[in-house]
C-alpha atoms as a PDB file:
ATOM      1  CA  MET A   1       0.002  -0.010  -0.015  1.00  0.00           C
ATOM      2  CA  PRO A   2       1.443   3.415  -0.974  1.00  0.00           C
ATOM      3  CA  LYS A   3       2.349   5.851   1.646  1.00  0.00           C
ATOM      4  CA  LYS A   4      -0.250   8.690   2.089  1.00  0.00           C
ATOM      5  CA  LYS A   5       1.013  12.305   1.587  1.00  0.00           C
ATOM      6  CA  VAL A   6      -0.493  13.517   4.680  1.00  0.00           C
ATOM      7  CA  LYS A   7       1.929  11.332   6.756  1.00  0.00           C
ATOM      8  CA  LYS A   8       4.758  13.288   5.240  1.00  0.00           C
ATOM      9  CA  TYR A   9       3.391  16.564   6.291  1.00  0.00           C
ATOM     10  CA  ARG A  10       2.768  15.609   9.841  1.00  0.00           C
ATOM     11  CA  GLY A  11       4.913  17.731  12.245  1.00  0.00           C
ATOM     12  CA  SER A  12       5.327  20.572   9.686  1.00  0.00           C
ATOM     13  CA  LYS A  13       3.433  23.789  10.809  1.00  0.00           C
ATOM     14  CA  THR A  14       1.069  24.107   7.831  1.00  0.00           C
ATOM     15  CA  CYS A  15       0.931  20.720   6.180  1.00  0.00           C
ATOM     16  CA  GLY A  16       2.018  21.925   2.782  1.00  0.00           C
ATOM     17  CA  GLY A  17      -0.415  24.941   2.893  1.00  0.00           C
ATOM     18  CA  GLY A  18       2.362  27.564   2.507  1.00  0.00           C
ATOM     19  CA  ALA A  19       2.556  30.488   4.942  1.00  0.00           C
ATOM     20  CA  LYS A  20       0.304  30.199   8.010  1.00  0.00           C
ATOM     21  CA  LYS A  21      -1.832  33.145   6.976  1.00  0.00           C
ATOM     22  CA  LYS A  22      -2.913  31.596   3.758  1.00  0.00           C
ATOM     23  CA  ARG A  23      -5.766  29.274   4.840  1.00  0.00           C
ATOM     24  CA  ARG A  24      -7.309  31.664   7.225  1.00  0.00           C
ATOM     25  CA  GLY A  25     -10.906  33.085   7.058  1.00  0.00           C
ATOM     26  CA  GLY A  26     -13.510  32.896   4.495  1.00  0.00           C
ATOM     27  CA  GLY A  27     -11.777  34.532   1.650  1.00  0.00           C
ATOM     28  CA  SER A  28      -9.738  31.273   0.874  1.00  0.00           C
ATOM     29  CA  ARG A  29     -13.024  29.501   0.099  1.00  0.00           C
ATOM     30  CA  GLY A  30     -14.826  32.237  -1.757  1.00  0.00           C
ATOM     31  CA  GLY A  31     -16.932  33.416   1.143  1.00  0.00           C
ATOM     32  CA  ARG A  32     -18.779  31.687   4.030  1.00  0.00           C
ATOM     33  CA  GLY A  33     -21.974  29.907   3.595  1.00  0.00           C
ATOM     34  CA  ASN A  34     -24.204  30.798   0.684  1.00  0.00           C
ATOM     35  CA  ALA A  35     -22.031  33.703  -0.264  1.00  0.00           C
ATOM     36  CA  GLY A  36     -21.503  33.846  -4.060  1.00  0.00           C
ATOM     37  CA  VAL A  37     -24.040  31.337  -5.166  1.00  0.00           C
ATOM     38  CA  HIS A  38     -25.281  33.645  -7.888  1.00  0.00           C
ATOM     39  CA  LYS A  39     -21.764  34.824  -8.751  1.00  0.00           C
ATOM     40  CA  HIS A  40     -18.505  32.703  -8.364  1.00  0.00           C
ATOM     41  CA  LYS A  41     -20.056  29.702  -6.955  1.00  0.00           C
ATOM     42  CA  TYR A  42     -23.068  29.579  -9.398  1.00  0.00           C
ATOM     43  CA  ILE A  43     -22.226  26.257 -11.149  1.00  0.00           C
ATOM     44  CA  LYS A  44     -21.915  24.451  -7.755  1.00  0.00           C
ATOM     45  CA  PHE A  45     -25.198  25.917  -6.881  1.00  0.00           C
ATOM     46  CA  VAL A  46     -26.909  24.747  -9.977  1.00  0.00           C
ATOM     47  CA  LYS A  47     -25.638  21.280  -9.859  1.00  0.00           C
ATOM     48  CA  LEU A  48     -26.468  20.795  -6.098  1.00  0.00           C
ATOM     49  CA  ALA A  49     -29.974  22.459  -6.479  1.00  0.00           C
ATOM     50  CA  LYS A  50     -30.893  19.964  -9.300  1.00  0.00           C
ATOM     51  CA  GLU A  51     -30.168  17.085  -6.877  1.00  0.00           C
ATOM     52  CA  GLY A  52     -32.286  18.863  -4.164  1.00  0.00           C
ATOM     53  CA  LEU A  53     -29.287  19.255  -1.995  1.00  0.00           C
ATOM     54  CA  TYR A  54     -29.037  23.053  -1.955  1.00  0.00           C
ATOM     55  CA  GLU A  55     -31.499  25.623  -1.057  1.00  0.00           C
ATOM     56  CA  PHE A  56     -31.019  29.442  -1.465  1.00  0.00           C
ATOM     57  CA  GLY A  57     -32.771  32.270   0.321  1.00  0.00           C
ATOM     58  CA  LYS A  58     -35.974  32.088   2.513  1.00  0.00           C
ATOM     59  CA  HIS A  59     -38.787  29.697   1.842  1.00  0.00           C
ATOM     60  CA  GLY A  60     -42.356  30.450   2.627  1.00  0.00           C
ATOM     61  CA  PHE A  61     -43.794  32.696   5.332  1.00  0.00           C
ATOM     62  CA  ASN A  62     -46.327  32.594   8.215  1.00  0.00           C
ATOM     63  CA  ARG A  63     -49.340  34.909   7.859  1.00  0.00           C
ATOM     64  CA  PRO A  64     -50.703  36.506  10.912  1.00  0.00           C
ATOM     65  CA  LYS A  65     -53.472  34.685  12.637  1.00  0.00           C
ATOM     66  CA  VAL A  66     -55.876  37.417  11.905  1.00  0.00           C
ATOM     67  CA  VAL A  67     -55.370  37.125   8.289  1.00  0.00           C
ATOM     68  CA  ARG A  68     -55.503  33.411   8.244  1.00  0.00           C
ATOM     69  CA  ALA A  69     -58.861  33.617  10.002  1.00  0.00           C
ATOM     70  CA  GLU A  70     -60.233  35.967   7.454  1.00  0.00           C
ATOM     71  CA  TYR A  71     -59.120  33.615   4.560  1.00  0.00           C
ATOM     72  CA  LYS A  72     -60.584  30.602   6.258  1.00  0.00           C
ATOM     73  CA  ALA A  73     -63.872  32.473   6.810  1.00  0.00           C
ATOM     74  CA  LEU A  74     -63.991  33.563   3.149  1.00  0.00           C
ATOM     75  CA  ARG A  75     -63.047  30.033   1.884  1.00  0.00           C
ATOM     76  CA  GLU A  76     -65.942  28.572   3.976  1.00  0.00           C
ATOM     77  CA  LEU A  77     -68.395  31.052   2.765  1.00  0.00           C
ATOM     78  CA  LYS A  78     -67.395  30.306  -1.000  1.00  0.00           C
ATOM     79  CA  LEU A  79     -67.778  26.506  -0.312  1.00  0.00           C
ATOM     80  CA  ARG A  80     -71.194  27.020   1.376  1.00  0.00           C
ATOM     81  CA  LEU A  81     -72.316  29.090  -1.616  1.00  0.00           C
ATOM     82  CA  ARG A  82     -71.087  26.482  -3.938  1.00  0.00           C
ATOM     83  CA  GLU A  83     -72.992  23.688  -2.053  1.00  0.00           C
ATOM     84  CA  LEU A  84     -76.134  25.745  -2.235  1.00  0.00           C
ATOM     85  CA  LYS A  85     -75.899  26.306  -5.867  1.00  0.00           C
ATOM     86  CA  ASP A  86     -75.256  22.525  -6.415  1.00  0.00           C
ATOM     87  CA  GLU A  87     -78.261  21.557  -4.431  1.00  0.00           C
ATOM     88  CA  GLY A  88     -80.392  23.792  -6.647  1.00  0.00           C
ATOM     89  CA  ILE A  89     -81.345  26.132  -3.921  1.00  0.00           C
ATOM     90  CA  LEU A  90     -79.328  29.144  -5.370  1.00  0.00           C
ATOM     91  CA  ASP A  91     -79.700  30.145  -9.037  1.00  0.00           C
ATOM     92  CA  ASP A  92     -76.912  31.543 -11.063  1.00  0.00           C
ATOM     93  CA  GLU A  93     -78.074  35.213 -10.354  1.00  0.00           C
ATOM     94  CA  LEU A  94     -78.235  34.818  -6.741  1.00  0.00           C
ATOM     95  CA  TYR A  95     -74.971  32.847  -6.597  1.00  0.00           C
ATOM     96  CA  ARG A  96     -73.229  35.646  -8.571  1.00  0.00           C
ATOM     97  CA  PHE A  97     -74.733  38.221  -6.094  1.00  0.00           C
ATOM     98  CA  PHE A  98     -73.385  36.567  -2.991  1.00  0.00           C
ATOM     99  CA  ASP A  99     -70.293  35.315  -4.574  1.00  0.00           C
ATOM    100  CA  ALA A 100     -69.202  38.885  -5.251  1.00  0.00           C
ATOM    101  CA  ARG A 101     -69.552  39.875  -1.562  1.00  0.00           C
ATOM    102  CA  GLU A 102     -67.248  38.791   1.249  1.00  0.00           C
ATOM    103  CA  GLU A 103     -69.508  40.587   3.945  1.00  0.00           C
ATOM    104  CA  ILE A 104     -73.221  41.491   3.466  1.00  0.00           C
ATOM    105  CA  ASN A 105     -74.559  44.918   4.162  1.00  0.00           C
ATOM    106  CA  VAL A 106     -78.065  45.877   5.169  1.00  0.00           C
ATOM    107  CA  GLY A 107     -78.530  47.564   1.757  1.00  0.00           C
ATOM    108  CA  ASP A 108     -77.595  44.126   0.125  1.00  0.00           C
ATOM    109  CA  LEU A 109     -80.100  42.486   2.406  1.00  0.00           C
ATOM    110  CA  ASP A 110     -82.771  45.001   1.400  1.00  0.00           C
ATOM    111  CA  ILE A 111     -82.126  44.116  -2.328  1.00  0.00           C
ATOM    112  CA  VAL A 112     -82.220  40.268  -2.069  1.00  0.00           C
ATOM    113  CA  VAL A 113     -84.565  39.468   0.854  1.00  0.00           C
ATOM    114  CA  ASP A 114     -87.511  38.870  -1.504  1.00  0.00           C
ATOM    115  CA  ARG A 115     -85.463  36.475  -3.698  1.00  0.00           C
ATOM    116  CA  LEU A 116     -84.427  34.548  -0.490  1.00  0.00           C
ATOM    117  CA  VAL A 117     -88.001  34.105   0.392  1.00  0.00           C
ATOM    118  CA  GLU A 118     -88.704  32.622  -3.101  1.00  0.00           C
ATOM    119  CA  VAL A 119     -85.866  30.105  -2.904  1.00  0.00           C
ATOM    120  CA  GLY A 120     -86.568  29.085   0.629  1.00  0.00           C
ATOM    121  CA  LEU A 121     -83.561  30.611   2.532  1.00  0.00           C
ATOM    122  CA  ALA A 122     -85.836  33.157   4.233  1.00  0.00           C
ATOM    123  CA  LYS A 123     -89.365  33.203   5.701  1.00  0.00           C
ATOM    124  CA  LYS A 124     -92.068  35.997   5.610  1.00  0.00           C
ATOM    125  CA  GLU A 125     -94.421  36.223   8.589  1.00  0.00           C
ATOM    126  CA  GLY A 126     -96.833  38.926   7.982  1.00  0.00           C
ATOM    127  CA  GLU A 127     -94.811  41.956   7.111  1.00  0.00           C
ATOM    128  CA  VAL A 128     -91.627  40.809   8.744  1.00  0.00           C
ATOM    129  CA  TYR A 129     -88.901  38.768   6.822  1.00  0.00           C
ATOM    130  CA  GLU A 130     -86.840  36.381   8.897  1.00  0.00           C
ATOM    131  CA  VAL A 131     -83.321  35.496   7.507  1.00  0.00           C
ATOM    132  CA  ASN A 132     -80.577  33.423   9.082  1.00  0.00           C
ATOM    133  CA  LEU A 133     -77.430  34.546   7.416  1.00  0.00           C
ATOM    134  CA  GLY A 134     -75.358  31.763   9.044  1.00  0.00           C
ATOM    135  CA  GLU A 135     -77.379  29.235   6.821  1.00  0.00           C
ATOM    136  CA  ILE A 136     -76.099  31.067   3.686  1.00  0.00           C
ATOM    137  CA  GLY A 137     -72.549  31.218   5.021  1.00  0.00           C
ATOM    138  CA  TYR A 138     -72.306  34.817   6.386  1.00  0.00           C
ATOM    139  CA  GLU A 139     -70.949  35.623   9.885  1.00  0.00           C
ATOM    140  CA  LYS A 140     -71.039  39.388   9.731  1.00  0.00           C
ATOM    141  CA  LEU A 141     -73.629  41.888   8.925  1.00  0.00           C
ATOM    142  CA  LEU A 142     -72.324  45.468   8.129  1.00  0.00           C
ATOM    143  CA  GLY A 143     -74.197  48.771   8.103  1.00  0.00           C
ATOM    144  CA  ALA A 144     -73.618  50.190   4.595  1.00  0.00           C
ATOM    145  CA  GLY A 145     -76.766  50.943   2.539  1.00  0.00           C
ATOM    146  CA  ARG A 146     -80.514  51.672   3.152  1.00  0.00           C
ATOM    147  CA  ILE A 147     -82.993  49.133   4.437  1.00  0.00           C
ATOM    148  CA  THR A 148     -86.675  49.775   3.989  1.00  0.00           C
ATOM    149  CA  LYS A 149     -88.272  46.340   4.920  1.00  0.00           C
ATOM    150  CA  PRO A 150     -88.667  45.118   8.472  1.00  0.00           C
ATOM    151  CA  VAL A 151     -86.208  42.145   8.756  1.00  0.00           C
ATOM    152  CA  LYS A 152     -85.287  39.726  11.712  1.00  0.00           C
ATOM    153  CA  VAL A 153     -81.735  38.742  10.986  1.00  0.00           C
ATOM    154  CA  VAL A 154     -80.046  35.802  12.817  1.00  0.00           C
ATOM    155  CA  VAL A 155     -76.257  36.403  12.467  1.00  0.00           C
ATOM    156  CA  SER A 156     -73.150  35.808  14.504  1.00  0.00           C
ATOM    157  CA  TYR A 157     -72.001  39.541  14.534  1.00  0.00           C
ATOM    158  CA  ALA A 158     -73.576  42.691  13.520  1.00  0.00           C
ATOM    159  CA  THR A 159     -72.115  46.307  13.572  1.00  0.00           C
ATOM    160  CA  PRO A 160     -73.792  48.729  15.808  1.00  0.00           C
ATOM    161  CA  LYS A 161     -74.695  50.770  12.589  1.00  0.00           C
ATOM    162  CA  ALA A 162     -76.428  47.647  11.122  1.00  0.00           C
ATOM    163  CA  ILE A 163     -78.344  47.016  14.169  1.00  0.00           C
ATOM    164  CA  GLU A 164     -79.490  50.706  14.375  1.00  0.00           C
ATOM    165  CA  LYS A 165     -80.719  50.675  10.762  1.00  0.00           C
ATOM    166  CA  ILE A 166     -82.442  47.341  10.957  1.00  0.00           C
ATOM    167  CA  GLU A 167     -84.344  48.370  14.163  1.00  0.00           C
ATOM    168  CA  ALA A 168     -85.231  51.783  12.590  1.00  0.00           C
ATOM    169  CA  ALA A 169     -86.883  49.845   9.649  1.00  0.00           C
ATOM    170  CA  GLY A 170     -88.992  47.796  12.114  1.00  0.00           C
ATOM    171  CA  GLY A 171     -86.871  44.644  12.369  1.00  0.00           C
ATOM    172  CA  GLU A 172     -84.516  43.125  14.874  1.00  0.00           C
ATOM    173  CA  VAL A 173     -80.954  41.481  14.988  1.00  0.00           C
ATOM    174  CA  VAL A 174     -80.575  38.316  16.970  1.00  0.00           C
ATOM    175  CA  SER A 175     -77.126  36.932  17.730  1.00  0.00           C
ATOM    176  CA  SER A 176     -76.472  33.302  17.124  1.00  0.00           C
END
């Protein structure tokens, strides 16, 4: 078996590396870590990245919990509307109306409450309409717009302005 070169260098100060300053620091290896992967170490980066052994930069992010909750509620609303359409309860016109709105306002409710009675998602007892927004998929009622019909609304959350407008029209808001 041939003699290994390293044995020859044992006992010498730098093991054949020249002056003792030469192998110091990150400069002798082209920078530390991922330095230069888009410059002088590019070929190494490309070869290792193809094999899945090398990743560069940050990967992904975590959204704040509030934003995640909003997206989850929106996704659930879209799924519920799709279910209602597939069951034949919502026609294309009503589906597009609700699909374009993430939250529902009292003005929107005033426009669509008669159609909801026709398709069976709301009831009319005398002059008062009764709507459960949770069945449609909405958790929040906002106060934009005008409402002229007395409506009893069952919803998880309603803004104070929405409650004020509905009660002024002769209806009521019930928290579920």
